[in-house]
Amino acid sequence: MAIDQSAKIGIVVIGRNEGERLARCFDTLPAGLPVVYVDSDSTDGSVGLAKSAGYDVVYLSAAKPLSAGRARNAGLEYLTDKWPDLSYVQFLDGDCELFVDWLTLAQAVLDERPGVVAVCGQRHEKYPHATVYNELCAIEWNTPIGEALAVGGDSMMRIQPVSDAGGFDDSFVGGEEPELCYRLRQDGWKVLRIDAAMTVHDAAMDRWQQWWSRAARSGGAYAQSALKHGRGPEKFGVRESVSIWIYAAVLPLIAVALAPFTWRLSIVALLCGYLWQWYRIGRKAEQSHGLSREMANNYAASIVLGKFPHLVGQIRFFLTRKNLIVEKDEPRHYLG
């Protein structure tokens, strides 16, 4: 499907050391639309690759904390400065490939539904069966179609409302998209996920340390969301944070404290409780998501065990949150 050159769509691609994944991402971008690549202190030649492909580049140094939100804000600022007539921005992670029809379909939704501020589609995992961690990502991308609470890293948004809202919160180390969508929804906007192929994502996760680090970032994002918006109407991030502390800290501490008085039966009870949660979540995933028994069990294990890296992320956030503030007037290198 051809892209309407009067579509007023700009594209912001963000990445850090994406390697060949970034090259594949660039190969899927349509010609004729404004594109800016925002690089977060890569050392693998990503900047040169983007420039050789003919794209404008914004380079962010690690002198200030790097985050996806910081990169997207920098890209959007560059787009609106150079192409002030743009109406929509397509955000795209550098480890993703864009489906050819997506931009036209997304634009049509935003054109036809003025109350929708952001639209996303189906994100597919490139190699879902390569590792169990890739499988978990594929399950995570499979969210319901229709009105949603948030979009992910790949989505098309209206530029003006996003700018009016102050863009992404640069200090979020993860979960910056749900946080922005929360603020936009509080302003009366709607977020939509449509039944259309949007991107192919290459997680390239083959080690448990990658899974642990990703889960820890999510835990920190829940803590930061609760601290910022927990008193709001949705108590944003509070339920998840409370669950993390109960299952990964409070219950284990109680079980250990009672162990000398219960012949360690309190610890056995705790382990049985985790096993029951694993079984319950797995059977529910089988029925609601149509997963195989093995995939459902892996998914359930990630939910139960994920509370522990989530807790680490929450503790890390509260210990370091003063260092996460990013100055809005930071210098940037424009290499376009």
Protein backbone atom coordinates (compact mmCIF):
# COMPACT_ATOMS: atom_id res chain seq x y z
CA MET A 1 0.00 0.00 0.00
CA ALA A 2 1.49 3.33 -1.04
CA ILE A 3 2.19 6.01 1.52
CA ASP A 4 0.37 9.28 0.94
CA GLN A 5 3.13 11.89 0.73
CA SER A 6 0.75 14.45 2.23
CA ALA A 7 0.19 12.18 5.23
CA LYS A 8 2.17 14.47 7.56
CA ILE A 9 3.73 11.48 9.32
CA GLY A 10 7.24 11.56 10.75
CA ILE A 11 9.16 8.56 12.05
CA VAL A 12 11.39 8.42 15.14
CA VAL A 13 13.63 5.37 15.42
CA ILE A 14 15.56 4.88 18.66
CA GLY A 15 18.37 2.45 19.36
CA ARG A 16 21.56 1.55 21.14
CA ASN A 17 23.99 -1.01 19.74
CA GLU A 18 21.27 -2.77 17.75
CA GLY A 19 23.68 -3.98 15.06
CA GLU A 20 22.08 -5.89 12.21
CA ARG A 21 18.65 -5.42 13.75
CA LEU A 22 18.91 -1.68 13.07
CA ALA A 23 19.88 -2.32 9.44
CA ARG A 24 16.79 -4.51 9.02
CA CYS A 25 14.68 -1.82 10.68
CA PHE A 26 15.89 0.80 8.21
CA ASP A 27 15.20 -1.53 5.28
CA THR A 28 11.48 -1.55 6.16
CA LEU A 29 11.02 2.23 6.32
CA PRO A 30 9.13 3.77 3.37
CA ALA A 31 10.77 6.41 1.22
CA GLY A 32 9.59 9.99 1.21
CA LEU A 33 8.73 10.46 4.89
CA PRO A 34 10.74 12.44 7.45
CA VAL A 35 12.85 10.06 9.54
CA VAL A 36 15.18 10.77 12.45
CA TYR A 37 17.29 8.16 14.19
CA VAL A 38 18.12 8.85 17.86
CA ASP A 39 21.20 7.02 19.05
CA SER A 40 21.89 6.43 22.75
CA ASP A 41 25.68 6.35 22.92
CA SER A 42 26.15 3.35 20.60
CA THR A 43 29.63 1.95 19.99
CA ASP A 44 28.77 -0.41 17.12
CA GLY A 45 28.64 2.03 14.21
CA SER A 46 24.89 2.64 14.41
CA VAL A 47 25.31 6.37 13.79
CA GLY A 48 27.31 5.75 10.62
CA LEU A 49 24.77 3.20 9.45
CA ALA A 50 21.92 5.69 9.86
CA LYS A 51 23.79 8.46 8.07
CA SER A 52 24.75 6.15 5.21
CA ALA A 53 21.05 5.29 4.86
CA GLY A 54 20.32 9.01 4.46
CA TYR A 55 18.59 9.62 7.79
CA ASP A 56 19.02 12.55 10.15
CA VAL A 57 20.67 11.54 13.41
CA VAL A 58 20.43 12.84 16.97
CA TYR A 59 23.19 11.50 19.20
CA LEU A 60 22.67 11.31 22.97
CA SER A 61 25.70 10.91 25.20
CA ALA A 62 25.76 8.93 28.42
CA ALA A 63 26.78 12.04 30.39
CA LYS A 64 23.15 12.09 31.50
CA PRO A 65 21.04 8.95 32.19
CA LEU A 66 19.96 7.23 28.99
CA SER A 67 16.38 6.07 28.59
CA ALA A 68 13.92 5.28 25.82
CA GLY A 69 11.80 8.24 26.92
CA ARG A 70 14.74 10.61 26.62
CA ALA A 71 15.47 9.31 23.13
CA ARG A 72 11.87 9.58 21.92
CA ASN A 73 11.56 13.11 23.26
CA ALA A 74 14.76 14.13 21.48
CA GLY A 75 13.52 12.60 18.23
CA LEU A 76 10.12 14.26 18.47
CA GLU A 77 11.72 17.63 19.24
CA TYR A 78 13.94 17.30 16.18
CA LEU A 79 11.02 16.31 13.94
CA THR A 80 8.81 19.19 15.01
CA ASP A 81 11.66 21.70 14.67
CA LYS A 82 12.58 20.60 11.15
CA TRP A 83 9.12 19.62 9.91
CA PRO A 84 6.65 21.77 11.88
CA ASP A 85 3.65 20.76 9.74
CA LEU A 86 3.69 17.11 10.85
CA SER A 87 0.54 15.82 12.53
CA TYR A 88 1.54 12.26 13.51
CA VAL A 89 4.69 10.55 14.70
CA GLN A 90 5.45 6.85 14.37
CA PHE A 91 7.74 5.72 17.17
CA LEU A 92 9.80 2.65 16.33
CA ASP A 93 12.39 0.72 18.31
CA GLY A 94 15.58 -0.11 16.44
CA ASP A 95 15.13 -3.84 17.02
CA CYS A 96 11.81 -3.82 15.13
CA GLU A 97 10.81 -4.05 11.46
CA LEU A 98 7.79 -2.15 10.16
CA PHE A 99 5.05 -3.85 8.17
CA VAL A 100 4.52 -2.14 4.83
CA ASP A 101 0.83 -1.28 5.27
CA TRP A 102 0.97 -0.17 8.88
CA LEU A 103 1.51 3.57 8.46
CA THR A 104 -1.44 3.96 6.10
CA LEU A 105 -3.73 1.92 8.34
CA ALA A 106 -2.71 3.78 11.49
CA GLN A 107 -3.10 7.16 9.84
CA ALA A 108 -6.59 6.23 8.68
CA VAL A 109 -7.60 5.38 12.25
CA LEU A 110 -6.32 8.70 13.60
CA ASP A 111 -7.93 10.61 10.73
CA GLU A 112 -11.30 8.94 11.30
CA ARG A 113 -11.31 8.93 15.12
CA PRO A 114 -10.37 12.39 16.45
CA GLY A 115 -10.65 11.25 20.07
CA VAL A 116 -7.86 8.66 19.68
CA VAL A 117 -4.40 9.94 20.57
CA ALA A 118 -2.35 6.78 19.98
CA VAL A 119 -2.82 3.63 17.95
CA CYS A 120 -0.81 0.44 17.90
CA GLY A 121 -1.22 -2.90 16.18
CA GLN A 122 0.14 -6.41 16.48
CA ARG A 123 3.78 -6.78 17.39
CA HIS A 124 5.14 -10.17 16.33
CA GLU A 125 8.27 -11.81 17.69
CA LYS A 126 10.73 -12.66 14.90
CA TYR A 127 12.04 -15.91 16.39
CA PRO A 128 9.45 -16.85 19.04
CA HIS A 129 10.59 -20.44 19.44
CA ALA A 130 14.34 -19.79 19.52
CA THR A 131 14.41 -19.48 23.32
CA VAL A 132 11.93 -19.59 26.17
CA TYR A 133 12.61 -15.89 26.75
CA ASN A 134 11.59 -15.04 23.18
CA GLU A 135 8.42 -17.06 23.73
CA LEU A 136 7.64 -15.00 26.81
CA CYS A 137 8.04 -11.80 24.78
CA ALA A 138 5.70 -13.16 22.10
CA ILE A 139 3.05 -13.84 24.75
CA GLU A 140 3.54 -10.37 26.23
CA TRP A 141 2.89 -8.69 22.86
CA ASN A 142 -0.44 -10.53 22.46
CA THR A 143 -2.70 -7.99 24.14
CA PRO A 144 -6.45 -7.57 23.46
CA ILE A 145 -7.75 -5.67 20.45
CA GLY A 146 -9.77 -2.51 21.11
CA GLU A 147 -9.53 0.38 23.52
CA ALA A 148 -6.40 -0.05 25.63
CA LEU A 149 -4.68 1.46 28.64
CA ALA A 150 -1.37 1.90 26.87
CA VAL A 151 0.74 1.26 23.80
CA GLY A 152 4.25 -0.16 23.67
CA GLY A 153 7.42 1.22 22.11
CA ASP A 154 5.98 1.01 18.59
CA SER A 155 2.93 3.17 17.97
CA MET A 156 1.62 6.15 16.03
CA MET A 157 0.66 9.21 18.09
CA ARG A 158 -0.76 12.66 17.53
CA ILE A 159 2.11 15.09 17.91
CA GLN A 160 0.28 18.05 19.43
CA PRO A 161 -1.33 16.27 22.42
CA VAL A 162 1.91 14.46 23.19
CA SER A 163 3.82 17.73 23.09
CA ASP A 164 1.16 19.47 25.19
CA ALA A 165 1.51 16.70 27.79
CA GLY A 166 5.26 17.26 28.00
CA GLY A 167 6.20 14.10 26.11
CA PHE A 168 7.62 11.04 27.81
CA ASP A 169 8.97 11.24 31.33
CA ASP A 170 12.73 11.08 30.70
CA SER A 171 13.43 9.67 34.14
CA PHE A 172 11.52 6.41 33.64
CA VAL A 173 13.93 3.52 33.07
CA GLY A 174 11.03 1.42 31.78
CA GLY A 175 7.29 1.70 31.37
CA GLU A 176 7.53 5.19 29.91
CA GLU A 177 4.81 4.48 27.31
CA PRO A 178 2.11 3.42 29.82
CA GLU A 179 2.96 6.43 31.97
CA LEU A 180 2.52 8.85 29.05
CA CYS A 181 -0.69 7.08 27.99
CA TYR A 182 -1.98 7.39 31.55
CA ARG A 183 -1.52 11.17 31.46
CA LEU A 184 -3.10 11.40 28.01
CA ARG A 185 -6.09 9.32 29.12
CA GLN A 186 -6.54 11.58 32.13
CA ASP A 187 -6.80 14.44 29.64
CA GLY A 188 -9.70 12.66 27.93
CA TRP A 189 -7.90 10.94 25.07
CA LYS A 190 -8.32 7.30 24.03
CA VAL A 191 -5.66 4.72 23.20
CA LEU A 192 -6.43 2.00 20.67
CA ARG A 193 -4.98 -1.33 19.56
CA ILE A 194 -6.20 -2.49 16.16
CA ASP A 195 -6.20 -5.89 14.50
CA ALA A 196 -3.41 -5.18 12.04
CA ALA A 197 0.20 -6.29 11.69
CA MET A 198 2.46 -3.46 12.88
CA THR A 199 6.00 -4.61 13.57
CA VAL A 200 8.28 -7.63 13.90
CA HIS A 201 10.41 -7.54 17.03
CA ASP A 202 13.71 -9.34 17.51
CA ALA A 203 14.18 -9.83 21.26
CA ALA A 204 17.37 -11.86 20.85
CA MET A 205 17.11 -13.04 24.46
CA ASP A 206 19.04 -16.22 25.16
CA ARG A 207 20.25 -15.76 28.74
CA TRP A 208 18.34 -15.62 32.03
CA GLN A 209 20.31 -12.51 33.00
CA GLN A 210 18.58 -10.64 30.16
CA TRP A 211 15.19 -11.75 31.43
CA TRP A 212 16.14 -10.79 34.99
CA SER A 213 17.35 -7.30 33.97
CA ARG A 214 14.21 -6.69 31.92
CA ALA A 215 11.98 -7.76 34.82
CA ALA A 216 13.94 -5.57 37.25
CA ARG A 217 13.37 -2.55 35.00
CA SER A 218 9.65 -3.33 35.00
CA GLY A 219 9.65 -3.47 38.79
CA GLY A 220 11.33 -0.09 38.97
CA ALA A 221 8.77 1.31 36.52
CA TYR A 222 5.90 0.11 38.72
CA ALA A 223 7.47 1.81 41.73
CA GLN A 224 8.02 5.06 39.86
CA SER A 225 4.48 4.97 38.44
CA ALA A 226 3.00 4.44 41.90
CA LEU A 227 5.09 7.24 43.38
CA LYS A 228 4.06 9.67 40.63
CA HIS A 229 0.42 8.71 40.05
CA GLY A 230 -0.54 6.38 42.89
CA ARG A 231 -2.92 8.93 44.40
CA GLY A 232 -4.75 9.38 41.09
CA PRO A 233 -8.10 7.81 40.13
CA GLU A 234 -6.51 4.61 38.79
CA LYS A 235 -3.92 4.31 41.58
CA PHE A 236 -1.48 3.78 38.72
CA GLY A 237 1.21 1.21 39.54
CA VAL A 238 0.02 0.68 43.11
CA ARG A 239 -1.62 -2.74 42.71
CA GLU A 240 1.44 -4.16 40.93
CA SER A 241 3.82 -2.71 43.49
CA VAL A 242 1.83 -4.02 46.45
CA SER A 243 1.72 -7.49 44.86
CA ILE A 244 5.48 -7.45 44.35
CA TRP A 245 6.21 -6.62 47.98
CA ILE A 246 3.70 -9.14 49.34
CA TYR A 247 4.86 -12.12 47.28
CA ALA A 248 8.60 -11.38 47.11
CA ALA A 249 9.24 -9.82 50.52
CA VAL A 250 6.47 -9.95 53.14
CA LEU A 251 5.40 -13.59 52.77
CA PRO A 252 8.99 -14.96 52.55
CA LEU A 253 10.01 -12.96 55.62
CA ILE A 254 7.00 -14.21 57.58
CA ALA A 255 7.71 -17.80 56.53
CA VAL A 256 11.36 -17.55 57.59
CA ALA A 257 10.46 -15.85 60.88
CA LEU A 258 7.96 -18.58 61.75
CA ALA A 259 10.18 -21.44 60.61
CA PRO A 260 11.78 -22.14 64.06
CA PHE A 261 8.30 -22.36 65.63
CA THR A 262 6.62 -24.46 62.92
CA TRP A 263 9.30 -27.09 62.25
CA ARG A 264 9.88 -25.24 58.94
CA LEU A 265 6.34 -25.99 57.83
CA SER A 266 5.85 -22.27 57.18
CA ILE A 267 8.49 -22.44 54.45
CA VAL A 268 6.84 -25.56 53.00
CA ALA A 269 3.51 -23.71 53.00
CA LEU A 270 5.11 -20.77 51.20
CA LEU A 271 6.55 -23.01 48.49
CA CYS A 272 3.20 -24.76 48.10
CA GLY A 273 1.57 -21.35 47.71
CA TYR A 274 3.99 -20.44 44.91
CA LEU A 275 3.30 -23.77 43.21
CA TRP A 276 -0.44 -23.18 43.43
CA GLN A 277 -0.04 -19.74 41.89
CA TRP A 278 2.07 -21.25 39.11
CA TYR A 279 -0.58 -23.91 38.42
CA ARG A 280 -3.50 -21.45 38.55
CA ILE A 281 -1.88 -18.88 36.25
CA GLY A 282 -0.77 -21.58 33.81
CA ARG A 283 -4.22 -23.12 33.44
CA LYS A 284 -5.80 -19.68 33.02
CA ALA A 285 -3.24 -18.80 30.32
CA GLU A 286 -4.01 -22.07 28.53
CA GLN A 287 -7.70 -21.28 28.39
CA SER A 288 -7.65 -17.53 27.75
CA HIS A 289 -4.65 -17.26 25.42
CA GLY A 290 -4.81 -20.65 23.74
CA LEU A 291 -1.24 -21.50 24.75
CA SER A 292 0.20 -24.97 24.74
CA ARG A 293 0.68 -26.60 28.13
CA GLU A 294 4.45 -26.05 27.98
CA MET A 295 4.19 -22.40 26.98
CA ALA A 296 1.52 -21.76 29.59
CA ASN A 297 3.69 -23.31 32.29
CA ASN A 298 6.70 -21.21 31.21
CA TYR A 299 4.57 -18.08 31.22
CA ALA A 300 3.21 -18.86 34.69
CA ALA A 301 6.72 -19.50 36.01
CA SER A 302 7.84 -16.10 34.68
CA ILE A 303 4.93 -14.40 36.47
CA VAL A 304 5.62 -16.09 39.81
CA LEU A 305 9.42 -15.89 39.71
CA GLY A 306 9.34 -12.44 38.16
CA LYS A 307 8.23 -10.94 41.48
CA PHE A 308 11.81 -11.28 42.75
CA PRO A 309 13.59 -9.25 40.04
CA HIS A 310 10.62 -6.87 40.24
CA LEU A 311 11.43 -6.38 43.92
CA VAL A 312 15.10 -5.79 43.11
CA GLY A 313 14.03 -3.15 40.59
CA GLN A 314 11.79 -1.45 43.13
CA ILE A 315 14.51 -1.35 45.77
CA ARG A 316 17.01 -0.07 43.21
CA PHE A 317 14.59 2.66 42.17
CA PHE A 318 14.07 3.93 45.71
CA LEU A 319 17.83 3.90 46.34
CA THR A 320 18.77 5.72 43.14
CA ARG A 321 15.73 7.76 42.10
CA LYS A 322 17.48 11.07 42.81
CA ASN A 323 19.95 10.18 40.06
CA LEU A 324 17.23 9.60 37.46
CA ILE A 325 16.33 13.26 36.95
CA VAL A 326 17.22 14.42 33.42
CA GLU A 327 17.59 18.11 32.72
CA LYS A 328 15.26 19.23 29.96
CA ASP A 329 17.74 21.71 28.49
CA GLU A 330 20.53 19.15 28.00
CA PRO A 331 22.78 19.69 24.95
CA ARG A 332 22.34 17.26 22.07
CA HIS A 333 24.37 16.57 18.96
CA TYR A 334 22.36 16.92 15.75
CA LEU A 335 24.07 14.99 12.99
CA GLY A 336 21.45 15.35 10.28
